[in-house]
Amino acid sequence: MWYPGWLFLALFLLAFAGFEVVKHGGWVIPLAVLGALVPLAGTAAQRLPRTTDAQERRPGLPPLRWLCHPVPPVLVLISFTVFPDTQQQAAPGFTLGLMWLAVVALLRARRPFRQSAA
């Protein structure tokens, strides 16, 4: 089952990111690919085996669940909308945020429905 709201958002953001890639080119292309890979890295990190012993945990490894949450890419989109002076400066980071949010929305669109306890 698919969540139609998340699916519609993902398709819209993918189309918008594709438009930005075609319009600007250059550094926009590798950052769009990076934006697509960031939430997939978070998904892969969630599948790693969890340890309960504090001594076995690696101290330098931050939790990567936040890579699959919609707030960080929205903050990237806001920052690259507000702070750069020109469109050419804003386009790579903005497209990174678009692709990141599109993949997050796609991952959320294909989550299984939660069954309510009756």
Protein backbone atom coordinates (compact mmCIF):
# COMPACT_ATOMS: atom_id res chain seq x y z
CA MET A 1 0.00 0.00 0.00
CA TRP A 2 1.10 3.53 -0.73
CA TYR A 3 0.33 6.74 1.10
CA PRO A 4 -1.03 8.95 -1.72
CA GLY A 5 -0.12 12.28 -0.10
CA TRP A 6 3.54 11.37 0.32
CA LEU A 7 3.61 9.81 -3.15
CA PHE A 8 2.20 12.96 -4.77
CA LEU A 9 4.72 15.12 -2.90
CA ALA A 10 7.58 12.83 -3.94
CA LEU A 11 6.59 12.91 -7.61
CA PHE A 12 6.19 16.70 -7.56
CA LEU A 13 9.58 17.19 -5.90
CA LEU A 14 11.28 14.79 -8.33
CA ALA A 15 9.84 16.72 -11.28
CA PHE A 16 10.90 20.03 -9.74
CA ALA A 17 14.42 18.72 -9.06
CA GLY A 18 14.63 17.43 -12.62
CA PHE A 19 13.68 20.87 -13.87
CA GLU A 20 16.40 22.46 -11.74
CA VAL A 21 19.01 19.98 -12.99
CA VAL A 22 18.15 20.66 -16.64
CA LYS A 23 17.98 24.43 -16.11
CA HIS A 24 21.22 24.93 -14.18
CA GLY A 25 23.50 21.93 -14.89
CA GLY A 26 27.06 22.04 -13.54
CA TRP A 27 27.34 21.42 -9.79
CA VAL A 28 23.61 20.85 -9.56
CA ILE A 29 23.92 17.35 -11.03
CA PRO A 30 26.33 15.79 -8.48
CA LEU A 31 24.54 17.48 -5.59
CA ALA A 32 21.21 16.13 -6.83
CA VAL A 33 22.72 12.64 -6.80
CA LEU A 34 24.10 13.28 -3.31
CA GLY A 35 20.68 14.47 -2.20
CA ALA A 36 19.19 11.19 -3.38
CA LEU A 37 21.83 9.14 -1.56
CA VAL A 38 21.67 10.91 1.82
CA PRO A 39 18.34 9.42 3.02
CA LEU A 40 19.29 6.03 1.60
CA ALA A 41 22.38 6.09 3.84
CA GLY A 42 20.09 6.79 6.78
CA THR A 43 17.88 3.87 5.79
CA ALA A 44 20.90 1.57 5.53
CA ALA A 45 22.13 2.76 8.93
CA GLN A 46 18.78 1.91 10.50
CA ARG A 47 19.18 -1.68 9.33
CA LEU A 48 22.50 -2.16 11.13
CA PRO A 49 22.33 -4.49 14.13
CA ARG A 50 21.73 -2.61 17.36
CA THR A 51 23.86 -3.19 20.42
CA THR A 52 22.62 -2.85 23.98
CA ASP A 53 25.99 -2.70 25.69
CA ALA A 54 27.32 0.86 25.94
CA GLN A 55 30.92 -0.34 25.66
CA GLU A 56 30.28 -1.92 22.26
CA ARG A 57 28.93 1.29 20.75
CA ARG A 58 31.24 3.34 18.65
CA PRO A 59 31.58 6.76 20.30
CA GLY A 60 32.13 8.74 17.09
CA LEU A 61 29.11 7.45 15.18
CA PRO A 62 26.09 9.79 15.38
CA PRO A 63 22.56 8.43 15.05
CA LEU A 64 21.61 8.55 11.39
CA ARG A 65 17.82 8.29 11.75
CA TRP A 66 17.51 12.04 11.26
CA LEU A 67 18.61 11.60 7.63
CA CYS A 68 15.21 10.02 6.89
CA HIS A 69 13.18 12.77 8.55
CA PRO A 70 11.65 15.60 6.47
CA VAL A 71 12.85 18.45 8.71
CA PRO A 72 16.58 18.53 7.71
CA PRO A 73 15.92 18.81 3.95
CA VAL A 74 13.29 21.50 4.59
CA LEU A 75 15.91 23.44 6.58
CA VAL A 76 18.34 23.05 3.66
CA LEU A 77 15.68 24.35 1.26
CA ILE A 78 14.94 27.34 3.49
CA SER A 79 18.60 28.20 3.97
CA PHE A 80 19.39 28.04 0.24
CA THR A 81 16.31 30.12 -0.52
CA VAL A 82 17.10 32.89 1.98
CA PHE A 83 20.89 33.25 2.18
CA PRO A 84 22.48 33.10 -1.33
CA ASP A 85 22.65 36.27 -3.41
CA THR A 86 22.02 34.79 -6.87
CA GLN A 87 20.17 31.84 -8.36
CA GLN A 88 23.43 30.33 -9.55
CA GLN A 89 24.69 30.25 -5.97
CA ALA A 90 21.44 28.84 -4.61
CA ALA A 91 20.70 26.20 -7.26
CA PRO A 92 23.09 23.39 -6.16
CA GLY A 93 22.09 23.44 -2.50
CA PHE A 94 18.43 23.97 -3.30
CA THR A 95 18.44 20.96 -5.63
CA LEU A 96 20.20 18.90 -2.96
CA GLY A 97 17.36 19.74 -0.57
CA LEU A 98 14.72 18.97 -3.21
CA MET A 99 16.14 15.53 -3.98
CA TRP A 100 16.68 14.75 -0.29
CA LEU A 101 13.07 15.65 0.52
CA ALA A 102 11.81 13.76 -2.56
CA VAL A 103 13.51 10.53 -1.49
CA VAL A 104 12.34 10.97 2.11
CA ALA A 105 8.78 11.43 0.81
CA LEU A 106 9.15 8.37 -1.43
CA LEU A 107 10.39 6.27 1.51
CA ARG A 108 7.47 7.47 3.62
CA ALA A 109 5.01 6.83 0.80
CA ARG A 110 5.86 3.15 0.66
CA ARG A 111 5.78 2.47 4.41
CA PRO A 112 3.34 -0.24 5.41
CA PHE A 113 0.08 0.89 6.92
CA ARG A 114 -0.12 0.54 10.68
CA GLN A 115 -2.99 -1.62 11.78
CA SER A 116 -4.97 -0.28 14.70
CA ALA A 117 -5.49 -2.60 17.63
CA ALA A 118 -9.20 -3.36 17.77
